[in-house]
Amino acid sequence: MAASANDQIETSMLDYFHIVLGSETSMQMVMYGIGSIELYEPSCLQLSIAMSMKRDLNLIGNIEVFDHVLFVTEFRVLEALGCSVISINEHRKQEAVKPTMFFMPRCEAELYNNLLQAN
């Protein structure tokens, strides 16, 4: 039986991730610009996509999250979900010293530029 298009895409994507990982067994994910998960539905969607990727791909280790608008209660929820909250505003200039997936689908262009310059 032939593989479906979705299966082929998933296999290609996993192959690419394994190439990027090299000898590493997992990569960290850094989420920027998530917004308030208490106040905004798109923020909850972004978080659920990240958590689903971690669960389904089985390649993502630690998830780090930063947004300057997060409330203390949201820190607790994120930590209860197994995420680490970044407390210092790096202005999206974090240098990736190991395989890292930066997940920031709702950020402004300047923040992508900062991240690209840092790496």
PDB file of N, CA and C in Angstrom:
ATOM      1  N   MET A   1       0.849  -1.175   0.000  1.00  0.00           N
ATOM      2  CA  MET A   1       0.000   0.000   0.000  1.00  0.00           C
ATOM      3  C   MET A   1       0.895   1.239   0.000  1.00  0.00           C
ATOM      4  N   ALA A   2       0.612   2.182  -0.841  1.00  0.00           N
ATOM      5  CA  ALA A   2       1.412   3.408  -0.962  1.00  0.00           C
ATOM      6  C   ALA A   2       1.192   4.311   0.245  1.00  0.00           C
ATOM      7  N   ALA A   3       2.255   4.999   0.623  1.00  0.00           N
ATOM      8  CA  ALA A   3       2.162   5.939   1.745  1.00  0.00           C
ATOM      9  C   ALA A   3       1.374   7.169   1.308  1.00  0.00           C
ATOM     10  N   SER A   4       0.617   7.720   2.247  1.00  0.00           N
ATOM     11  CA  SER A   4      -0.149   8.931   1.939  1.00  0.00           C
ATOM     12  C   SER A   4       0.795  10.125   1.831  1.00  0.00           C
ATOM     13  N   ALA A   5       0.295  11.194   1.241  1.00  0.00           N
ATOM     14  CA  ALA A   5       1.099  12.420   1.107  1.00  0.00           C
ATOM     15  C   ALA A   5       1.515  12.931   2.478  1.00  0.00           C
ATOM     16  N   ASN A   6       0.609  12.858   3.454  1.00  0.00           N
ATOM     17  CA  ASN A   6       0.946  13.309   4.813  1.00  0.00           C
ATOM     18  C   ASN A   6       2.075  12.481   5.407  1.00  0.00           C
ATOM     19  N   ASP A   7       2.025  11.168   5.204  1.00  0.00           N
ATOM     20  CA  ASP A   7       3.087  10.297   5.715  1.00  0.00           C
ATOM     21  C   ASP A   7       4.424  10.628   5.063  1.00  0.00           C
ATOM     22  N   GLN A   8       4.409  10.899   3.760  1.00  0.00           N
ATOM     23  CA  GLN A   8       5.640  11.239   3.046  1.00  0.00           C
ATOM     24  C   GLN A   8       6.211  12.562   3.533  1.00  0.00           C
ATOM     25  N   ILE A   9       5.338  13.540   3.758  1.00  0.00           N
ATOM     26  CA  ILE A   9       5.789  14.838   4.269  1.00  0.00           C
ATOM     27  C   ILE A   9       6.369  14.678   5.662  1.00  0.00           C
ATOM     28  N   GLU A  10       5.672  13.921   6.516  1.00  0.00           N
ATOM     29  CA  GLU A  10       6.151  13.715   7.881  1.00  0.00           C
ATOM     30  C   GLU A  10       7.495  13.001   7.877  1.00  0.00           C
ATOM     31  N   THR A  11       7.646  11.992   7.032  1.00  0.00           N
ATOM     32  CA  THR A  11       8.914  11.265   6.944  1.00  0.00           C
ATOM     33  C   THR A  11      10.033  12.191   6.483  1.00  0.00           C
ATOM     34  N   SER A  12       9.771  13.006   5.465  1.00  0.00           N
ATOM     35  CA  SER A  12      10.783  13.953   4.978  1.00  0.00           C
ATOM     36  C   SER A  12      11.172  14.942   6.062  1.00  0.00           C
ATOM     37  N   MET A  13      10.181  15.427   6.795  1.00  0.00           N
ATOM     38  CA  MET A  13      10.447  16.390   7.859  1.00  0.00           C
ATOM     39  C   MET A  13      11.280  15.747   8.967  1.00  0.00           C
ATOM     40  N   LEU A  14      10.923  14.542   9.360  1.00  0.00           N
ATOM     41  CA  LEU A  14      11.686  13.849  10.402  1.00  0.00           C
ATOM     42  C   LEU A  14      13.108  13.567   9.937  1.00  0.00           C
ATOM     43  N   ASP A  15      13.283  13.192   8.674  1.00  0.00           N
ATOM     44  CA  ASP A  15      14.631  12.977   8.131  1.00  0.00           C
ATOM     45  C   ASP A  15      15.456  14.255   8.238  1.00  0.00           C
ATOM     46  N   TYR A  16      14.854  15.380   7.890  1.00  0.00           N
ATOM     47  CA  TYR A  16      15.552  16.667   7.974  1.00  0.00           C
ATOM     48  C   TYR A  16      15.942  16.969   9.420  1.00  0.00           C
ATOM     49  N   PHE A  17      15.016  16.766  10.359  1.00  0.00           N
ATOM     50  CA  PHE A  17      15.328  17.021  11.767  1.00  0.00           C
ATOM     51  C   PHE A  17      16.482  16.148  12.240  1.00  0.00           C
ATOM     52  N   HIS A  18      16.516  14.890  11.822  1.00  0.00           N
ATOM     53  CA  HIS A  18      17.613  14.005  12.223  1.00  0.00           C
ATOM     54  C   HIS A  18      18.947  14.488  11.655  1.00  0.00           C
ATOM     55  N   ILE A  19      18.939  15.038  10.451  1.00  0.00           N
ATOM     56  CA  ILE A  19      20.165  15.609   9.877  1.00  0.00           C
ATOM     57  C   ILE A  19      20.629  16.793  10.716  1.00  0.00           C
ATOM     58  N   VAL A  20      19.692  17.666  11.074  1.00  0.00           N
ATOM     59  CA  VAL A  20      20.021  18.847  11.879  1.00  0.00           C
ATOM     60  C   VAL A  20      20.534  18.439  13.255  1.00  0.00           C
ATOM     61  N   LEU A  21      19.926  17.416  13.839  1.00  0.00           N
ATOM     62  CA  LEU A  21      20.319  16.980  15.179  1.00  0.00           C
ATOM     63  C   LEU A  21      21.715  16.367  15.206  1.00  0.00           C
ATOM     64  N   GLY A  22      22.134  15.744  14.133  1.00  0.00           N
ATOM     65  CA  GLY A  22      23.436  15.090  14.134  1.00  0.00           C
ATOM     66  C   GLY A  22      23.476  14.010  15.200  1.00  0.00           C
ATOM     67  N   SER A  23      24.409  14.125  16.138  1.00  0.00           N
ATOM     68  CA  SER A  23      24.536  13.122  17.195  1.00  0.00           C
ATOM     69  C   SER A  23      23.629  13.408  18.392  1.00  0.00           C
ATOM     70  N   GLU A  24      22.964  14.553  18.395  1.00  0.00           N
ATOM     71  CA  GLU A  24      22.036  14.893  19.485  1.00  0.00           C
ATOM     72  C   GLU A  24      20.774  14.038  19.358  1.00  0.00           C
ATOM     73  N   THR A  25      20.122  13.775  20.477  1.00  0.00           N
ATOM     74  CA  THR A  25      18.890  12.986  20.444  1.00  0.00           C
ATOM     75  C   THR A  25      17.638  13.852  20.434  1.00  0.00           C
ATOM     76  N   SER A  26      17.789  15.116  20.800  1.00  0.00           N
ATOM     77  CA  SER A  26      16.637  16.016  20.793  1.00  0.00           C
ATOM     78  C   SER A  26      17.111  17.451  20.627  1.00  0.00           C
ATOM     79  N   MET A  27      16.168  18.323  20.322  1.00  0.00           N
ATOM     80  CA  MET A  27      16.470  19.745  20.221  1.00  0.00           C
ATOM     81  C   MET A  27      15.571  20.489  21.195  1.00  0.00           C
ATOM     82  N   GLN A  28      16.045  21.631  21.631  1.00  0.00           N
ATOM     83  CA  GLN A  28      15.188  22.458  22.463  1.00  0.00           C
ATOM     84  C   GLN A  28      14.312  23.309  21.561  1.00  0.00           C
ATOM     85  N   MET A  29      13.195  23.753  22.100  1.00  0.00           N
ATOM     86  CA  MET A  29      12.329  24.683  21.391  1.00  0.00           C
ATOM     87  C   MET A  29      12.267  25.962  22.208  1.00  0.00           C
ATOM     88  N   VAL A  30      12.419  27.086  21.537  1.00  0.00           N
ATOM     89  CA  VAL A  30      12.281  28.390  22.181  1.00  0.00           C
ATOM     90  C   VAL A  30      11.094  29.082  21.530  1.00  0.00           C
ATOM     91  N   MET A  31      10.119  29.435  22.357  1.00  0.00           N
ATOM     92  CA  MET A  31       8.916  30.119  21.869  1.00  0.00           C
ATOM     93  C   MET A  31       8.984  31.581  22.276  1.00  0.00           C
ATOM     94  N   TYR A  32       8.964  32.452  21.297  1.00  0.00           N
ATOM     95  CA  TYR A  32       8.932  33.889  21.543  1.00  0.00           C
ATOM     96  C   TYR A  32       7.591  34.450  21.080  1.00  0.00           C
ATOM     97  N   GLY A  33       7.142  35.495  21.748  1.00  0.00           N
ATOM     98  CA  GLY A  33       5.951  36.211  21.305  1.00  0.00           C
ATOM     99  C   GLY A  33       4.668  35.430  21.445  1.00  0.00           C
ATOM    100  N   ILE A  34       4.601  34.558  22.446  1.00  0.00           N
ATOM    101  CA  ILE A  34       3.408  33.740  22.613  1.00  0.00           C
ATOM    102  C   ILE A  34       2.189  34.582  22.995  1.00  0.00           C
ATOM    103  N   GLY A  35       2.396  35.665  23.724  1.00  0.00           N
ATOM    104  CA  GLY A  35       1.260  36.459  24.195  1.00  0.00           C
ATOM    105  C   GLY A  35       0.643  35.824  25.428  1.00  0.00           C
ATOM    106  N   SER A  36      -0.387  36.427  25.933  1.00  0.00           N
ATOM    107  CA  SER A  36      -1.050  35.946  27.141  1.00  0.00           C
ATOM    108  C   SER A  36      -1.946  34.756  26.823  1.00  0.00           C
ATOM    109  N   ILE A  37      -1.631  33.598  27.403  1.00  0.00           N
ATOM    110  CA  ILE A  37      -2.466  32.417  27.189  1.00  0.00           C
ATOM    111  C   ILE A  37      -3.767  32.518  27.981  1.00  0.00           C
ATOM    112  N   GLU A  38      -3.809  33.432  28.920  1.00  0.00           N
ATOM    113  CA  GLU A  38      -5.034  33.661  29.688  1.00  0.00           C
ATOM    114  C   GLU A  38      -6.016  34.537  28.912  1.00  0.00           C
ATOM    115  N   LEU A  39      -5.505  35.476  28.141  1.00  0.00           N
ATOM    116  CA  LEU A  39      -6.360  36.479  27.508  1.00  0.00           C
ATOM    117  C   LEU A  39      -6.594  36.281  26.013  1.00  0.00           C
ATOM    118  N   TYR A  40      -5.718  35.547  25.328  1.00  0.00           N
ATOM    119  CA  TYR A  40      -5.792  35.502  23.869  1.00  0.00           C
ATOM    120  C   TYR A  40      -5.837  34.076  23.339  1.00  0.00           C
ATOM    121  N   GLU A  41      -6.851  33.790  22.547  1.00  0.00           N
ATOM    122  CA  GLU A  41      -6.998  32.468  21.951  1.00  0.00           C
ATOM    123  C   GLU A  41      -5.838  32.095  21.027  1.00  0.00           C
ATOM    124  N   PRO A  42      -5.326  33.029  20.196  1.00  0.00           N
ATOM    125  CA  PRO A  42      -4.171  32.665  19.353  1.00  0.00           C
ATOM    126  C   PRO A  42      -2.957  32.212  20.175  1.00  0.00           C
ATOM    127  N   SER A  43      -2.802  32.747  21.369  1.00  0.00           N
ATOM    128  CA  SER A  43      -1.695  32.333  22.236  1.00  0.00           C
ATOM    129  C   SER A  43      -1.874  30.889  22.675  1.00  0.00           C
ATOM    130  N   CYS A  44      -3.106  30.525  23.008  1.00  0.00           N
ATOM    131  CA  CYS A  44      -3.392  29.138  23.388  1.00  0.00           C
ATOM    132  C   CYS A  44      -3.155  28.197  22.214  1.00  0.00           C
ATOM    133  N   LEU A  45      -3.532  28.631  21.024  1.00  0.00           N
ATOM    134  CA  LEU A  45      -3.307  27.822  19.827  1.00  0.00           C
ATOM    135  C   LEU A  45      -1.813  27.616  19.589  1.00  0.00           C
ATOM    136  N   GLN A  46      -1.031  28.685  19.717  1.00  0.00           N
ATOM    137  CA  GLN A  46       0.417  28.585  19.526  1.00  0.00           C
ATOM    138  C   GLN A  46       1.015  27.603  20.531  1.00  0.00           C
ATOM    139  N   LEU A  47       0.597  27.698  21.784  1.00  0.00           N
ATOM    140  CA  LEU A  47       1.097  26.784  22.810  1.00  0.00           C
ATOM    141  C   LEU A  47       0.682  25.348  22.502  1.00  0.00           C
ATOM    142  N   SER A  48      -0.561  25.150  22.082  1.00  0.00           N
ATOM    143  CA  SER A  48      -1.020  23.788  21.798  1.00  0.00           C
ATOM    144  C   SER A  48      -0.278  23.184  20.602  1.00  0.00           C
ATOM    145  N   ILE A  49       0.051  24.005  19.608  1.00  0.00           N
ATOM    146  CA  ILE A  49       0.837  23.506  18.469  1.00  0.00           C
ATOM    147  C   ILE A  49       2.221  23.063  18.941  1.00  0.00           C
ATOM    148  N   ALA A  50       2.850  23.873  19.777  1.00  0.00           N
ATOM    149  CA  ALA A  50       4.181  23.527  20.293  1.00  0.00           C
ATOM    150  C   ALA A  50       4.135  22.245  21.120  1.00  0.00           C
ATOM    151  N   MET A  51       3.130  22.124  21.982  1.00  0.00           N
ATOM    152  CA  MET A  51       3.026  20.931  22.822  1.00  0.00           C
ATOM    153  C   MET A  51       2.735  19.696  21.959  1.00  0.00           C
ATOM    154  N   SER A  52       1.929  19.853  20.920  1.00  0.00           N
ATOM    155  CA  SER A  52       1.639  18.740  20.004  1.00  0.00           C
ATOM    156  C   SER A  52       2.891  18.323  19.244  1.00  0.00           C
ATOM    157  N   MET A  53       3.683  19.302  18.815  1.00  0.00           N
ATOM    158  CA  MET A  53       4.935  18.985  18.118  1.00  0.00           C
ATOM    159  C   MET A  53       5.867  18.207  19.036  1.00  0.00           C
ATOM    160  N   LYS A  54       5.941  18.629  20.287  1.00  0.00           N
ATOM    161  CA  LYS A  54       6.804  17.921  21.244  1.00  0.00           C
ATOM    162  C   LYS A  54       6.327  16.480  21.408  1.00  0.00           C
ATOM    163  N   ARG A  55       5.019  16.313  21.558  1.00  0.00           N
ATOM    164  CA  ARG A  55       4.458  14.979  21.770  1.00  0.00           C
ATOM    165  C   ARG A  55       4.595  14.102  20.525  1.00  0.00           C
ATOM    166  N   ASP A  56       4.255  14.644  19.366  1.00  0.00           N
ATOM    167  CA  ASP A  56       4.169  13.828  18.156  1.00  0.00           C
ATOM    168  C   ASP A  56       5.503  13.595  17.460  1.00  0.00           C
ATOM    169  N   LEU A  57       6.379  14.574  17.474  1.00  0.00           N
ATOM    170  CA  LEU A  57       7.666  14.418  16.795  1.00  0.00           C
ATOM    171  C   LEU A  57       8.666  13.629  17.620  1.00  0.00           C
ATOM    172  N   ASN A  58       8.518  13.666  18.932  1.00  0.00           N
ATOM    173  CA  ASN A  58       9.410  12.942  19.835  1.00  0.00           C
ATOM    174  C   ASN A  58      10.874  13.322  19.627  1.00  0.00           C
ATOM    175  N   LEU A  59      11.101  14.558  19.172  1.00  0.00           N
ATOM    176  CA  LEU A  59      12.460  15.056  18.963  1.00  0.00           C
ATOM    177  C   LEU A  59      12.732  16.316  19.764  1.00  0.00           C
ATOM    178  N   ILE A  60      11.690  16.867  20.363  1.00  0.00           N
ATOM    179  CA  ILE A  60      11.816  18.130  21.074  1.00  0.00           C
ATOM    180  C   ILE A  60      11.938  17.848  22.561  1.00  0.00           C
ATOM    181  N   GLY A  61      13.014  18.374  23.136  1.00  0.00           N
ATOM    182  CA  GLY A  61      13.237  18.211  24.568  1.00  0.00           C
ATOM    183  C   GLY A  61      12.578  19.336  25.336  1.00  0.00           C
ATOM    184  N   ASN A  62      13.390  20.199  25.886  1.00  0.00           N
ATOM    185  CA  ASN A  62      12.907  21.308  26.695  1.00  0.00           C
ATOM    186  C   ASN A  62      12.256  22.382  25.823  1.00  0.00           C
ATOM    187  N   ILE A  63      11.169  22.959  26.318  1.00  0.00           N
ATOM    188  CA  ILE A  63      10.531  24.102  25.664  1.00  0.00           C
ATOM    189  C   ILE A  63      10.712  25.307  26.568  1.00  0.00           C
ATOM    190  N   GLU A  64      11.357  26.354  26.036  1.00  0.00           N
ATOM    191  CA  GLU A  64      11.532  27.609  26.760  1.00  0.00           C
ATOM    192  C   GLU A  64      10.589  28.644  26.162  1.00  0.00           C
ATOM    193  N   VAL A  65       9.973  29.461  27.029  1.00  0.00           N
ATOM    194  CA  VAL A  65       8.967  30.424  26.588  1.00  0.00           C
ATOM    195  C   VAL A  65       9.312  31.808  27.112  1.00  0.00           C
ATOM    196  N   PHE A  66       9.153  32.816  26.243  1.00  0.00           N
ATOM    197  CA  PHE A  66       9.273  34.205  26.702  1.00  0.00           C
ATOM    198  C   PHE A  66       8.255  35.083  26.002  1.00  0.00           C
ATOM    199  N   ASP A  67       7.610  35.901  26.789  1.00  0.00           N
ATOM    200  CA  ASP A  67       6.848  37.055  26.311  1.00  0.00           C
ATOM    201  C   ASP A  67       6.722  37.993  27.498  1.00  0.00           C
ATOM    202  N   HIS A  68       7.007  39.252  27.267  1.00  0.00           N
ATOM    203  CA  HIS A  68       6.983  40.218  28.366  1.00  0.00           C
ATOM    204  C   HIS A  68       5.579  40.456  28.913  1.00  0.00           C
ATOM    205  N   VAL A  69       4.530  39.980  28.240  1.00  0.00           N
ATOM    206  CA  VAL A  69       3.160  40.200  28.708  1.00  0.00           C
ATOM    207  C   VAL A  69       2.628  39.062  29.577  1.00  0.00           C
ATOM    208  N   LEU A  70       3.407  38.022  29.794  1.00  0.00           N
ATOM    209  CA  LEU A  70       2.932  36.887  30.589  1.00  0.00           C
ATOM    210  C   LEU A  70       2.740  37.272  32.052  1.00  0.00           C
ATOM    211  N   PHE A  71       1.659  36.767  32.631  1.00  0.00           N
ATOM    212  CA  PHE A  71       1.363  36.974  34.046  1.00  0.00           C
ATOM    213  C   PHE A  71       1.992  35.856  34.873  1.00  0.00           C
ATOM    214  N   VAL A  72       2.146  36.083  36.171  1.00  0.00           N
ATOM    215  CA  VAL A  72       2.727  35.078  37.073  1.00  0.00           C
ATOM    216  C   VAL A  72       1.917  33.786  37.025  1.00  0.00           C
ATOM    217  N   THR A  73       0.600  33.891  36.957  1.00  0.00           N
ATOM    218  CA  THR A  73      -0.227  32.679  36.884  1.00  0.00           C
ATOM    219  C   THR A  73       0.069  31.892  35.608  1.00  0.00           C
ATOM    220  N   GLU A  74       0.373  32.600  34.525  1.00  0.00           N
ATOM    221  CA  GLU A  74       0.715  31.925  33.276  1.00  0.00           C
ATOM    222  C   GLU A  74       2.075  31.237  33.379  1.00  0.00           C
ATOM    223  N   PHE A  75       3.009  31.846  34.119  1.00  0.00           N
ATOM    224  CA  PHE A  75       4.296  31.185  34.374  1.00  0.00           C
ATOM    225  C   PHE A  75       4.040  29.817  34.994  1.00  0.00           C
ATOM    226  N   ARG A  76       3.155  29.791  35.983  1.00  0.00           N
ATOM    227  CA  ARG A  76       2.870  28.539  36.703  1.00  0.00           C
ATOM    228  C   ARG A  76       2.244  27.496  35.782  1.00  0.00           C
ATOM    229  N   VAL A  77       1.317  27.930  34.938  1.00  0.00           N
ATOM    230  CA  VAL A  77       0.683  27.007  33.994  1.00  0.00           C
ATOM    231  C   VAL A  77       1.727  26.443  33.033  1.00  0.00           C
ATOM    232  N   LEU A  78       2.561  27.316  32.480  1.00  0.00           N
ATOM    233  CA  LEU A  78       3.598  26.869  31.547  1.00  0.00           C
ATOM    234  C   LEU A  78       4.552  25.891  32.216  1.00  0.00           C
ATOM    235  N   GLU A  79       4.949  26.188  33.447  1.00  0.00           N
ATOM    236  CA  GLU A  79       5.849  25.285  34.171  1.00  0.00           C
ATOM    237  C   GLU A  79       5.163  23.960  34.473  1.00  0.00           C
ATOM    238  N   ALA A  80       3.861  23.989  34.785  1.00  0.00           N
ATOM    239  CA  ALA A  80       3.112  22.756  35.032  1.00  0.00           C
ATOM    240  C   ALA A  80       3.029  21.896  33.768  1.00  0.00           C
ATOM    241  N   LEU A  81       3.072  22.539  32.612  1.00  0.00           N
ATOM    242  CA  LEU A  81       3.063  21.821  31.333  1.00  0.00           C
ATOM    243  C   LEU A  81       4.458  21.343  30.922  1.00  0.00           C
ATOM    244  N   GLY A  82       5.453  21.629  31.755  1.00  0.00           N
ATOM    245  CA  GLY A  82       6.812  21.174  31.483  1.00  0.00           C
ATOM    246  C   GLY A  82       7.678  22.166  30.740  1.00  0.00           C
ATOM    247  N   CYS A  83       7.198  23.394  30.585  1.00  0.00           N
ATOM    248  CA  CYS A  83       7.978  24.433  29.904  1.00  0.00           C
ATOM    249  C   CYS A  83       8.823  25.200  30.914  1.00  0.00           C
ATOM    250  N   SER A  84       9.900  25.785  30.443  1.00  0.00           N
ATOM    251  CA  SER A  84      10.713  26.699  31.248  1.00  0.00           C
ATOM    252  C   SER A  84      10.399  28.110  30.783  1.00  0.00           C
ATOM    253  N   VAL A  85      10.226  29.022  31.728  1.00  0.00           N
ATOM    254  CA  VAL A  85       9.929  30.408  31.384  1.00  0.00           C
ATOM    255  C   VAL A  85      11.219  31.210  31.440  1.00  0.00           C
ATOM    256  N   ILE A  86      11.541  31.886  30.340  1.00  0.00           N
ATOM    257  CA  ILE A  86      12.712  32.759  30.283  1.00  0.00           C
ATOM    258  C   ILE A  86      12.330  34.060  30.968  1.00  0.00           C
ATOM    259  N   SER A  87      13.083  34.442  31.986  1.00  0.00           N
ATOM    260  CA  SER A  87      12.711  35.626  32.766  1.00  0.00           C
ATOM    261  C   SER A  87      13.389  36.906  32.289  1.00  0.00           C
ATOM    262  N   ILE A  88      14.420  36.777  31.472  1.00  0.00           N
ATOM    263  CA  ILE A  88      15.168  37.948  31.004  1.00  0.00           C
ATOM    264  C   ILE A  88      14.814  38.220  29.545  1.00  0.00           C
ATOM    265  N   ASN A  89      14.504  39.472  29.237  1.00  0.00           N
ATOM    266  CA  ASN A  89      14.194  39.852  27.862  1.00  0.00           C
ATOM    267  C   ASN A  89      15.494  39.943  27.063  1.00  0.00           C
ATOM    268  N   GLU A  90      15.715  38.964  26.219  1.00  0.00           N
ATOM    269  CA  GLU A  90      16.925  38.912  25.384  1.00  0.00           C
ATOM    270  C   GLU A  90      16.715  39.646  24.065  1.00  0.00           C
ATOM    271  N   HIS A  91      15.554  40.235  23.880  1.00  0.00           N
ATOM    272  CA  HIS A  91      15.187  40.914  22.629  1.00  0.00           C
ATOM    273  C   HIS A  91      15.369  39.983  21.436  1.00  0.00           C
ATOM    274  N   ARG A  92      15.095  38.708  21.669  1.00  0.00           N
ATOM    275  CA  ARG A  92      15.173  37.656  20.648  1.00  0.00           C
ATOM    276  C   ARG A  92      16.563  37.577  20.035  1.00  0.00           C
ATOM    277  N   LYS A  93      17.565  37.708  20.891  1.00  0.00           N
ATOM    278  CA  LYS A  93      18.954  37.622  20.419  1.00  0.00           C
ATOM    279  C   LYS A  93      19.657  36.394  20.986  1.00  0.00           C
ATOM    280  N   GLN A  94      18.892  35.386  21.372  1.00  0.00           N
ATOM    281  CA  GLN A  94      19.480  34.189  21.949  1.00  0.00           C
ATOM    282  C   GLN A  94      20.305  33.456  20.902  1.00  0.00           C
ATOM    283  N   GLU A  95      21.513  33.124  21.280  1.00  0.00           N
ATOM    284  CA  GLU A  95      22.383  32.363  20.392  1.00  0.00           C
ATOM    285  C   GLU A  95      22.111  30.879  20.588  1.00  0.00           C
ATOM    286  N   ALA A  96      21.918  30.173  19.518  1.00  0.00           N
ATOM    287  CA  ALA A  96      21.682  28.734  19.582  1.00  0.00           C
ATOM    288  C   ALA A  96      23.032  28.026  19.598  1.00  0.00           C
ATOM    289  N   VAL A  97      23.386  27.435  20.733  1.00  0.00           N
ATOM    290  CA  VAL A  97      24.663  26.729  20.849  1.00  0.00           C
ATOM    291  C   VAL A  97      24.492  25.223  20.639  1.00  0.00           C
ATOM    292  N   LYS A  98      23.249  24.784  20.536  1.00  0.00           N
ATOM    293  CA  LYS A  98      22.931  23.395  20.224  1.00  0.00           C
ATOM    294  C   LYS A  98      21.674  23.419  19.347  1.00  0.00           C
ATOM    295  N   PRO A  99      21.297  22.290  18.753  1.00  0.00           N
ATOM    296  CA  PRO A  99      20.117  22.306  17.884  1.00  0.00           C
ATOM    297  C   PRO A  99      18.894  22.895  18.597  1.00  0.00           C
ATOM    298  N   THR A 100      18.331  23.926  17.995  1.00  0.00           N
ATOM    299  CA  THR A 100      17.225  24.666  18.600  1.00  0.00           C
ATOM    300  C   THR A 100      16.199  25.016  17.537  1.00  0.00           C
ATOM    301  N   MET A 101      14.935  24.795  17.863  1.00  0.00           N
ATOM    302  CA  MET A 101      13.843  25.237  17.011  1.00  0.00           C
ATOM    303  C   MET A 101      13.255  26.497  17.645  1.00  0.00           C
ATOM    304  N   PHE A 102      13.336  27.602  16.935  1.00  0.00           N
ATOM    305  CA  PHE A 102      12.716  28.836  17.403  1.00  0.00           C
ATOM    306  C   PHE A 102      11.315  28.886  16.811  1.00  0.00           C
ATOM    307  N   PHE A 103      10.321  28.922  17.678  1.00  0.00           N
ATOM    308  CA  PHE A 103       8.917  28.910  17.262  1.00  0.00           C
ATOM    309  C   PHE A 103       8.322  30.255  17.638  1.00  0.00           C
ATOM    310  N   MET A 104       8.123  31.100  16.642  1.00  0.00           N
ATOM    311  CA  MET A 104       7.664  32.468  16.901  1.00  0.00           C
ATOM    312  C   MET A 104       6.796  32.971  15.753  1.00  0.00           C
ATOM    313  N   PRO A 105       5.651  32.318  15.549  1.00  0.00           N
ATOM    314  CA  PRO A 105       4.840  32.632  14.371  1.00  0.00           C
ATOM    315  C   PRO A 105       4.153  33.995  14.380  1.00  0.00           C
ATOM    316  N   ARG A 106       4.122  34.677  15.514  1.00  0.00           N
ATOM    317  CA  ARG A 106       3.379  35.942  15.562  1.00  0.00           C
ATOM    318  C   ARG A 106       4.260  37.125  15.946  1.00  0.00           C
ATOM    319  N   CYS A 107       5.546  37.055  15.700  1.00  0.00           N
ATOM    320  CA  CYS A 107       6.453  38.141  16.078  1.00  0.00           C
ATOM    321  C   CYS A 107       6.633  39.137  14.938  1.00  0.00           C
ATOM    322  N   GLU A 108       7.088  40.315  15.310  1.00  0.00           N
ATOM    323  CA  GLU A 108       7.370  41.361  14.327  1.00  0.00           C
ATOM    324  C   GLU A 108       8.691  41.057  13.610  1.00  0.00           C
ATOM    325  N   ALA A 109       8.838  41.608  12.407  1.00  0.00           N
ATOM    326  CA  ALA A 109      10.012  41.343  11.567  1.00  0.00           C
ATOM    327  C   ALA A 109      11.317  41.683  12.278  1.00  0.00           C
ATOM    328  N   GLU A 110      11.342  42.731  13.063  1.00  0.00           N
ATOM    329  CA  GLU A 110      12.562  43.137  13.771  1.00  0.00           C
ATOM    330  C   GLU A 110      13.070  42.029  14.688  1.00  0.00           C
ATOM    331  N   LEU A 111      12.155  41.297  15.298  1.00  0.00           N
ATOM    332  CA  LEU A 111      12.551  40.240  16.223  1.00  0.00           C
ATOM    333  C   LEU A 111      13.166  39.052  15.478  1.00  0.00           C
ATOM    334  N   TYR A 112      12.645  38.740  14.300  1.00  0.00           N
ATOM    335  CA  TYR A 112      13.264  37.696  13.467  1.00  0.00           C
ATOM    336  C   TYR A 112      14.667  38.132  13.056  1.00  0.00           C
ATOM    337  N   ASN A 113      14.806  39.395  12.707  1.00  0.00           N
ATOM    338  CA  ASN A 113      16.103  39.944  12.318  1.00  0.00           C
ATOM    339  C   ASN A 113      17.104  39.818  13.467  1.00  0.00           C
ATOM    340  N   ASN A 114      16.681  40.151  14.688  1.00  0.00           N
ATOM    341  CA  ASN A 114      17.557  40.018  15.859  1.00  0.00           C
ATOM    342  C   ASN A 114      18.040  38.580  16.013  1.00  0.00           C
ATOM    343  N   LEU A 115      17.126  37.643  15.870  1.00  0.00           N
ATOM    344  CA  LEU A 115      17.467  36.234  16.031  1.00  0.00           C
ATOM    345  C   LEU A 115      18.431  35.770  14.940  1.00  0.00           C
ATOM    346  N   LEU A 116      18.175  36.179  13.718  1.00  0.00           N
ATOM    347  CA  LEU A 116      19.066  35.796  12.617  1.00  0.00           C
ATOM    348  C   LEU A 116      20.459  36.396  12.780  1.00  0.00           C
ATOM    349  N   GLN A 117      20.545  37.626  13.256  1.00  0.00           N
ATOM    350  CA  GLN A 117      21.854  38.242  13.477  1.00  0.00           C
ATOM    351  C   GLN A 117      22.622  37.538  14.589  1.00  0.00           C
ATOM    352  N   ALA A 118      21.921  37.042  15.597  1.00  0.00           N
ATOM    353  CA  ALA A 118      22.576  36.357  16.714  1.00  0.00           C
ATOM    354  C   ALA A 118      23.086  34.976  16.310  1.00  0.00           C
ATOM    355  N   ASN A 119      22.554  34.442  15.229  1.00  0.00           N
ATOM    356  CA  ASN A 119      22.920  33.083  14.815  1.00  0.00           C
ATOM    357  C   ASN A 119      23.491  33.060  13.418  1.00  0.00           C
TER     358      ASN A 119
END
